Protein backbone atom coordinates (compact mmCIF):
# COMPACT_ATOMS: atom_id res chain seq x y z
CA MET A 1 -0.20 0.18 -0.25
CA GLN A 2 1.21 3.40 -1.32
CA HIS A 3 0.13 7.10 -0.77
CA HIS A 4 0.24 8.95 -3.62
CA LEU A 5 0.17 12.89 -3.70
CA THR A 6 -2.29 14.36 -6.61
CA VAL A 7 -1.59 18.02 -7.48
CA ARG A 8 -3.15 18.37 -10.98
CA HIS A 9 -6.32 19.78 -11.19
CA GLY A 10 -7.79 17.33 -14.03
CA ASP A 11 -6.47 14.26 -12.16
CA ILE A 12 -8.47 15.42 -8.97
CA ILE A 13 -11.62 15.93 -11.04
CA GLU A 14 -10.82 12.64 -12.39
CA VAL A 15 -10.60 10.89 -9.15
CA SER A 16 -13.97 12.92 -7.58
CA ARG A 17 -15.86 11.45 -10.76
CA ARG A 18 -14.77 7.88 -10.15
CA PRO A 19 -16.13 6.94 -6.60
CA ALA A 20 -16.34 3.51 -7.53
CA ASP A 21 -12.52 3.37 -8.16
CA PHE A 22 -11.54 6.02 -5.28
CA CYS A 23 -13.55 5.39 -2.31
CA SER A 24 -14.52 7.71 0.78
CA GLY A 25 -15.60 5.15 2.61
CA GLN A 26 -12.19 4.11 3.89
CA GLY A 27 -11.71 7.89 5.40
CA ALA A 28 -11.67 11.13 3.66
CA LEU A 29 -10.55 13.64 6.38
CA TRP A 30 -7.15 12.06 7.36
CA VAL A 31 -3.80 10.63 5.88
CA ASN A 32 -3.78 7.85 8.04
CA ASP A 33 -6.59 4.96 8.25
CA LEU A 34 -8.56 5.35 11.09
CA SER A 35 -11.59 2.95 12.37
CA PRO A 36 -15.06 2.85 10.60
CA GLU A 37 -16.62 3.97 13.67
CA PHE A 38 -14.37 7.07 14.11
CA ASN A 39 -14.64 7.97 10.20
CA GLU A 40 -18.49 7.94 10.47
CA PHE A 41 -18.47 9.54 13.78
CA PHE A 42 -16.57 12.25 12.56
CA GLY A 43 -17.37 12.54 9.13
CA SER A 44 -20.81 11.34 8.27
CA ILE A 45 -21.49 10.89 4.80
CA ILE A 46 -17.79 12.69 4.28
CA ASN A 47 -16.64 9.52 4.76
CA LEU A 48 -19.49 7.39 3.46
CA ASP A 49 -20.20 5.66 -0.30
CA SER A 50 -23.26 4.99 -2.02
CA PRO A 51 -26.03 3.42 -1.52
CA ARG A 52 -25.96 4.85 1.74
CA HIS A 53 -24.00 8.14 1.36
CA LEU A 54 -26.68 9.17 -1.34
CA GLN A 55 -29.35 8.07 1.19
CA LEU A 56 -28.19 10.29 4.13
CA ARG A 57 -27.03 13.43 1.90
CA ARG A 58 -30.40 13.79 0.48
CA ILE A 59 -31.85 14.50 4.01
CA VAL A 60 -29.32 17.46 4.44
CA ALA A 61 -29.58 18.73 0.90
CA ALA A 62 -32.84 19.81 1.14
CA ALA A 63 -31.52 22.43 3.69
CA PHE A 64 -29.16 23.98 1.48
CA THR A 65 -31.22 24.31 -2.10
CA PRO A 66 -31.02 27.61 -3.44
CA ARG A 67 -34.87 28.44 -2.97
CA THR A 68 -33.89 27.64 0.92
CA LEU A 69 -30.77 29.91 0.99
CA ARG A 70 -32.75 32.68 -0.18
CA ARG A 71 -35.32 32.02 2.83
CA LEU A 72 -32.15 32.40 4.83
CA ASP A 73 -30.71 35.43 3.22
CA TYR A 74 -32.19 37.95 5.56
CA ASP A 75 -30.72 36.21 8.56
CA ILE A 76 -27.43 35.90 7.29
CA GLN A 77 -27.24 39.74 6.19
CA ARG A 78 -28.60 40.61 9.25
CA THR A 79 -26.13 38.61 11.32
CA ALA A 80 -23.18 40.05 9.18
CA ALA A 81 -24.20 43.46 10.08
CA ALA A 82 -24.42 42.70 14.05
CA THR A 83 -21.34 40.86 14.16
CA VAL A 84 -19.10 43.81 12.25
CA ALA A 85 -21.02 46.40 14.07
CA ALA A 86 -19.93 44.82 17.56
CA ALA A 87 -16.76 45.11 15.86
CA ALA A 88 -16.90 48.60 15.02
CA LEU A 89 -17.09 49.47 18.56
CA ARG A 90 -14.00 48.36 19.42
CA GLY A 91 -10.74 49.77 18.75
CA ASP A 92 -7.97 47.15 18.22
CA ILE A 93 -9.76 43.60 17.20
CA ASP A 94 -8.73 40.12 16.28
CA ILE A 95 -10.06 39.27 12.85
CA VAL A 96 -10.80 35.30 13.65
CA ALA A 97 -12.14 36.27 17.06
CA ASP A 98 -14.13 39.14 16.51
CA LEU A 99 -15.55 38.68 12.74
CA ALA A 100 -14.68 35.56 10.87
CA ALA A 101 -15.42 33.12 13.64
CA PRO A 102 -18.65 34.09 15.43
CA PHE A 103 -20.58 35.42 12.23
CA PRO A 104 -20.68 31.22 10.57
CA LEU A 105 -21.03 29.91 14.14
CA THR A 106 -24.37 32.09 14.88
CA VAL A 107 -25.70 31.26 10.92
CA ILE A 108 -24.90 27.47 11.50
CA CYS A 109 -26.23 27.46 14.63
CA ASP A 110 -29.48 29.17 14.08
CA LEU A 111 -29.50 26.70 11.21
CA VAL A 112 -29.34 23.52 12.86
CA GLY A 113 -31.31 24.73 15.96
CA ILE A 114 -28.10 25.11 18.55
CA PRO A 115 -29.31 27.08 21.44
CA GLU A 116 -27.07 30.20 22.50
CA SER A 117 -26.07 28.65 25.78
CA HIS A 118 -24.31 25.98 23.88
CA ARG A 119 -22.44 27.77 21.14
CA ALA A 120 -19.30 28.93 23.08
CA SER A 121 -18.90 25.10 23.72
CA VAL A 122 -19.57 24.32 20.17
CA GLN A 123 -16.82 26.81 18.74
CA THR A 124 -14.26 25.39 21.31
CA VAL A 125 -14.62 21.75 20.53
CA SER A 126 -15.07 22.44 16.77
CA ASN A 127 -11.66 23.92 16.91
CA VAL A 128 -10.07 20.74 18.67
CA ILE A 129 -11.66 18.55 15.75
CA VAL A 130 -10.26 20.51 12.69
CA SER A 131 -7.01 21.38 14.56
CA GLY A 132 -4.93 18.74 12.98
CA GLY A 133 -3.33 18.56 16.63
CA ASP A 134 -2.01 21.79 16.70
CA PRO A 135 -0.57 22.85 20.27
CA ASP A 136 -3.05 25.72 20.80
CA PHE A 137 -6.10 23.26 21.01
CA VAL A 138 -4.67 20.09 21.86
CA PRO A 139 -1.88 20.24 24.71
CA HIS A 140 1.43 18.49 23.92
CA GLN A 141 0.71 16.06 26.60
CA GLN A 142 -2.53 15.02 25.30
CA ASP A 143 -3.16 12.35 22.61
CA PRO A 144 -4.60 14.04 19.47
CA VAL A 145 -6.93 10.87 18.54
CA ASN A 146 -8.34 11.22 22.05
CA ALA A 147 -8.65 15.17 21.99
CA PHE A 148 -10.83 14.09 18.76
CA LEU A 149 -12.68 11.90 20.22
CA ASP A 150 -13.54 13.56 23.35
CA ALA A 151 -14.47 16.83 21.34
CA GLY A 152 -16.70 14.75 19.22
CA ALA A 153 -18.38 12.81 22.34
CA SER A 154 -19.07 16.39 23.62
CA LEU A 155 -21.15 17.26 20.32
CA ALA A 156 -22.78 13.78 20.19
CA ASP A 157 -24.15 14.42 23.51
CA LEU A 158 -25.15 17.58 22.93
CA ALA A 159 -27.24 16.08 20.01
CA THR A 160 -28.47 13.51 21.66
CA ASP A 161 -30.03 15.83 24.32
CA LEU A 162 -31.60 18.32 21.67
CA ALA A 163 -32.87 15.72 19.44
CA GLU A 164 -34.76 14.21 22.22
CA GLN A 165 -36.43 17.77 22.80
CA ARG A 166 -36.94 18.10 19.23
CA ARG A 167 -39.15 14.64 19.11
CA ARG A 168 -40.98 16.41 22.19
CA ARG A 169 -41.66 19.63 20.79
CA PRO A 170 -40.32 19.85 16.92
CA THR A 171 -39.21 23.44 15.48
CA ASP A 172 -38.31 24.61 12.32
CA ASP A 173 -34.73 23.77 12.16
CA LEU A 174 -32.17 21.13 10.67
CA LEU A 175 -32.00 19.24 13.77
CA THR A 176 -35.84 18.57 13.73
CA ALA A 177 -35.82 17.83 10.17
CA LEU A 178 -33.09 14.98 11.05
CA VAL A 179 -35.37 13.59 13.57
CA GLN A 180 -38.22 13.63 11.30
CA ALA A 181 -36.36 12.13 8.51
CA GLU A 182 -36.94 8.58 6.89
CA VAL A 183 -34.62 6.97 4.82
CA ASP A 184 -36.62 3.98 2.78
CA GLY A 185 -39.12 4.30 5.45
CA ILE A 186 -36.93 4.05 8.53
CA HIS A 187 -36.13 6.97 10.73
CA LEU A 188 -32.57 7.78 11.49
CA THR A 189 -30.68 6.22 14.71
CA THR A 190 -29.50 8.47 17.18
CA ARG A 191 -26.33 7.53 16.32
CA GLU A 192 -26.54 9.06 12.85
CA ILE A 193 -28.40 11.96 13.85
CA SER A 194 -25.36 12.75 16.05
CA SER A 195 -22.92 12.14 13.32
CA PHE A 196 -24.73 14.42 11.14
CA PHE A 197 -24.85 16.97 13.65
CA VAL A 198 -20.96 16.74 14.35
CA LEU A 199 -20.22 17.42 10.84
CA LEU A 200 -22.72 20.46 10.56
CA ALA A 201 -21.56 21.76 13.72
CA PHE A 202 -17.64 21.99 12.66
CA ALA A 203 -17.93 21.78 9.22
CA GLY A 204 -20.83 24.11 8.74
CA GLN A 205 -18.43 27.17 10.32
CA GLU A 206 -14.88 26.35 9.88
CA THR A 207 -14.50 26.41 6.26
CA THR A 208 -16.37 30.05 5.95
CA ARG A 209 -14.46 31.53 8.81
CA ASN A 210 -10.89 30.58 7.02
CA ALA A 211 -12.37 31.98 3.73
CA ILE A 212 -13.11 35.16 5.80
CA SER A 213 -10.03 35.31 7.80
CA LEU A 214 -7.56 34.46 4.95
CA GLY A 215 -9.56 36.70 2.44
CA ILE A 216 -9.28 39.52 4.75
CA TRP A 217 -5.22 38.99 4.93
CA THR A 218 -5.24 38.57 1.05
CA LEU A 219 -6.92 41.67 0.73
CA HIS A 220 -4.69 43.23 2.95
CA ASN A 221 -1.90 42.03 0.70
CA ASN A 222 -3.60 43.19 -2.73
CA ARG A 223 -4.59 46.57 -2.29
CA HIS A 224 -5.57 47.56 -5.76
CA ALA A 225 -7.90 44.87 -5.75
CA ARG A 226 -9.13 45.28 -2.40
CA ASP A 227 -10.11 49.01 -3.41
CA ALA A 228 -11.62 47.74 -6.79
CA TRP A 229 -14.10 45.36 -5.22
CA VAL A 230 -15.11 48.26 -2.61
CA ALA A 231 -15.95 50.80 -5.49
CA ASP A 232 -17.89 48.40 -7.29
CA PHE A 233 -18.76 45.77 -4.80
CA GLU A 234 -21.88 44.52 -6.19
CA ARG A 235 -20.95 43.98 -9.71
CA MET A 236 -17.67 42.14 -8.63
CA HIS A 237 -18.90 40.17 -5.76
CA PRO A 238 -19.58 37.01 -7.71
CA THR A 239 -16.18 36.39 -9.08
CA ALA A 240 -14.15 37.92 -6.08
CA VAL A 241 -16.02 35.49 -3.84
CA ASP A 242 -14.95 32.35 -5.89
CA GLU A 243 -11.59 34.05 -6.81
CA ILE A 244 -11.14 34.53 -2.85
CA LEU A 245 -12.17 30.90 -2.46
CA ARG A 246 -9.42 29.54 -5.11
CA TYR A 247 -6.56 31.76 -3.79
CA THR A 248 -6.97 30.78 -0.28
CA THR A 249 -8.36 27.03 -0.65
CA PRO A 250 -9.65 27.00 3.26
CA VAL A 251 -9.87 22.70 2.87
CA ALA A 252 -6.11 22.04 1.70
CA THR A 253 -6.82 18.41 1.31
CA MET A 254 -8.60 15.31 1.47
CA ARG A 255 -8.03 11.66 0.89
CA ARG A 256 -9.40 8.60 -1.14
CA THR A 257 -8.74 4.80 -1.50
CA ALA A 258 -8.32 2.72 -4.66
CA THR A 259 -11.07 0.02 -4.47
CA ARG A 260 -8.88 -1.98 -7.05
CA ASP A 261 -6.25 -2.18 -9.35
CA THR A 262 -6.21 0.90 -11.48
CA THR A 263 -4.75 3.65 -13.45
CA LEU A 264 -4.94 7.39 -13.08
CA ASN A 265 -3.31 9.89 -15.68
CA GLY A 266 -1.03 6.93 -16.74
CA HIS A 267 0.24 5.84 -13.26
CA ARG A 268 -0.65 2.31 -12.09
CA LEU A 269 -2.17 2.32 -8.63
CA ALA A 270 -3.02 -0.98 -6.65
CA LYS A 271 -5.95 -1.76 -4.49
CA GLY A 272 -5.58 0.01 -1.08
CA ASP A 273 -3.74 2.80 -1.89
CA LYS A 274 -4.11 6.32 -0.65
CA ILE A 275 -4.74 9.17 -2.60
CA LEU A 276 -4.43 12.64 -1.63
CA LEU A 277 -6.12 15.12 -3.27
CA PHE A 278 -4.11 18.44 -2.81
CA TYR A 279 -7.01 21.08 -3.65
CA ALA A 280 -4.56 24.08 -2.80
CA ALA A 281 -2.08 22.81 -5.52
CA ALA A 282 -4.68 22.33 -7.94
CA ASN A 283 -6.18 25.62 -7.45
CA ARG A 284 -2.82 26.93 -8.61
CA ASP A 285 -2.31 24.74 -11.54
CA GLU A 286 -1.03 26.88 -14.40
CA GLN A 287 -2.37 24.64 -16.77
CA VAL A 288 -6.04 25.62 -16.04
CA PHE A 289 -5.54 28.97 -14.51
CA ARG A 290 -3.69 31.99 -16.00
CA GLU A 291 -1.48 33.52 -13.72
CA PRO A 292 -2.46 31.29 -10.85
CA ASP A 293 -0.39 32.94 -8.10
CA ARG A 294 -2.38 36.34 -8.82
CA LEU A 295 -5.23 37.52 -7.36
CA ASP A 296 -7.75 38.27 -9.86
CA LEU A 297 -11.04 39.17 -8.65
CA THR A 298 -12.71 39.30 -11.95
CA ARG A 299 -11.38 35.80 -12.79
CA ALA A 300 -13.86 33.76 -14.89
CA PRO A 301 -14.39 31.40 -15.55
CA ASN A 302 -12.85 29.94 -12.34
CA SER A 303 -13.35 26.09 -12.05
CA HIS A 304 -11.48 26.20 -8.47
CA LEU A 305 -11.77 23.09 -6.46
CA ALA A 306 -11.97 24.75 -3.14
CA PHE A 307 -15.47 22.90 -2.34
CA GLY A 308 -14.29 19.96 -3.88
CA GLY A 309 -14.10 18.31 -7.37
CA PRO A 310 -17.52 17.59 -9.11
CA GLY A 311 -19.15 14.01 -8.10
CA PRO A 312 -20.91 12.93 -4.98
CA HIS A 313 -19.00 14.42 -2.55
CA PHE A 314 -19.11 17.95 -3.81
CA CYS A 315 -19.88 20.42 -1.06
CA LEU A 316 -23.46 20.12 0.36
CA GLY A 317 -22.70 24.18 1.75
CA ALA A 318 -21.18 25.54 -0.93
CA GLN A 319 -23.71 27.87 -1.65
CA LEU A 320 -24.33 28.84 1.86
CA ALA A 321 -20.72 29.70 2.40
CA ARG A 322 -20.89 31.84 -0.66
CA ALA A 323 -23.73 33.87 0.87
CA GLU A 324 -22.01 34.06 3.96
CA ILE A 325 -18.75 35.58 2.64
CA ILE A 326 -20.49 37.92 0.48
CA ALA A 327 -22.55 39.25 3.34
CA ILE A 328 -19.50 39.92 5.55
CA PHE A 329 -17.41 41.17 3.29
CA ARG A 330 -20.12 43.90 2.10
CA GLU A 331 -20.83 44.34 5.65
CA ALA A 332 -16.92 44.85 6.25
CA PHE A 333 -16.48 47.34 3.55
CA ARG A 334 -19.70 49.52 4.60
CA GLN A 335 -19.11 49.83 8.32
CA LEU A 336 -15.08 49.39 8.63
CA PRO A 337 -13.74 51.42 5.61
CA GLU A 338 -10.31 52.10 7.57
CA LEU A 339 -9.94 48.64 8.74
CA THR A 340 -5.98 47.93 9.26
CA ILE A 341 -4.36 44.96 10.04
CA THR A 342 -1.67 45.65 12.63
CA GLY A 343 0.43 42.20 12.64
CA GLU A 344 1.17 38.96 10.99
CA PRO A 345 -1.22 36.16 10.84
CA GLU A 346 -0.90 33.29 13.18
CA PHE A 347 -1.41 30.09 11.12
CA LEU A 348 -3.16 26.82 12.07
CA ARG A 349 -0.53 23.97 12.09
CA SER A 350 -2.53 21.47 10.06
CA ILE A 351 -1.87 19.65 6.60
CA SER A 352 -5.65 19.55 5.81
CA VAL A 353 -6.78 22.66 6.65
CA ASN A 354 -5.72 25.88 5.53
CA GLY A 355 -6.66 28.41 8.66
CA ILE A 356 -5.67 31.44 10.71
CA LYS A 357 -5.72 30.87 14.35
CA ARG A 358 -5.01 35.23 14.94
CA LEU A 359 -4.91 37.96 12.76
CA SER A 360 -4.77 41.59 14.84
CA ALA A 361 -6.03 44.64 13.65
CA ARG A 362 -7.73 48.03 14.20
CA ALA A 363 -11.07 48.56 13.39
CA ARG A 364 -11.26 52.23 13.62
CA PRO A 365 -8.54 54.93 13.81
CA LEU A 366 -7.28 55.86 16.79
CA PRO A 367 -8.63 59.19 18.47
């Protein structure tokens, strides 16, 4: 068994379109093999193959349709405005703690149905799950796998309690939809609901959070591009957001496993080989993107892979993430026209997630 690093845009697309040859069910989130129970507990549908993957994906897909997102648009805009307004009242801020983290956390918690009293703890354990073992989130003396398990168990316990409340008193949220959902006439088990909940709680906020913080840092280093977007925000935002996603690629890599002896771009692969899909490299592939290392907020077309390749595992929350990024940048440009970065970013130590832990800034000029 060997590990193969796939960096070309076309190769990742091919792997993504061939789930029968390159499966996710043996683990998609980590480089090394972990137990099937661990994989499904943390990754839910990300670490499943069809037919089970398709059955479960359909349940959540209803919450992320364009029609549903249009109904959510007001709440997203309102939350973005409130988040930026709170930051504007301060002098010195942390882009991550004060802007990038609280906004998507509020949106996904409102969507799923997580009470205000639990949101700080959801943020804390989510940080652990996607930390990659970063010592800021997992102390050196603690085994990272045990830390991930403890964090996941905390979210699962919360999901079990909230699911029982929804069975007694249904509400208009995604958790109620999971409790009431049927797959081939059978209701989801508590374990399946918990697994979905764990996935939505951390994946529904972390990618967007990193896109926002990385995007702000990127625009700080590309002032002409930033000024052009500010001057014509509504016309440019469709291409600008996708270019931010391409340029920063918050999810750097995922994994597939060869289900049989096969080939990829002329290379022979053996059954059981691990294929690492390096999205960050594919999004700078000079065969696909002209001047790939240049930020071009008008780039079109833009076939970036920040949401994964085409196929059954393309990110369900792609449209929600785009809507959130548009909303927060619109408000940041409007309410914080003189936002100034005052320090260097502290990056997350992870091979799979491209993220910023801290980024100091001044929200308004000194008196």
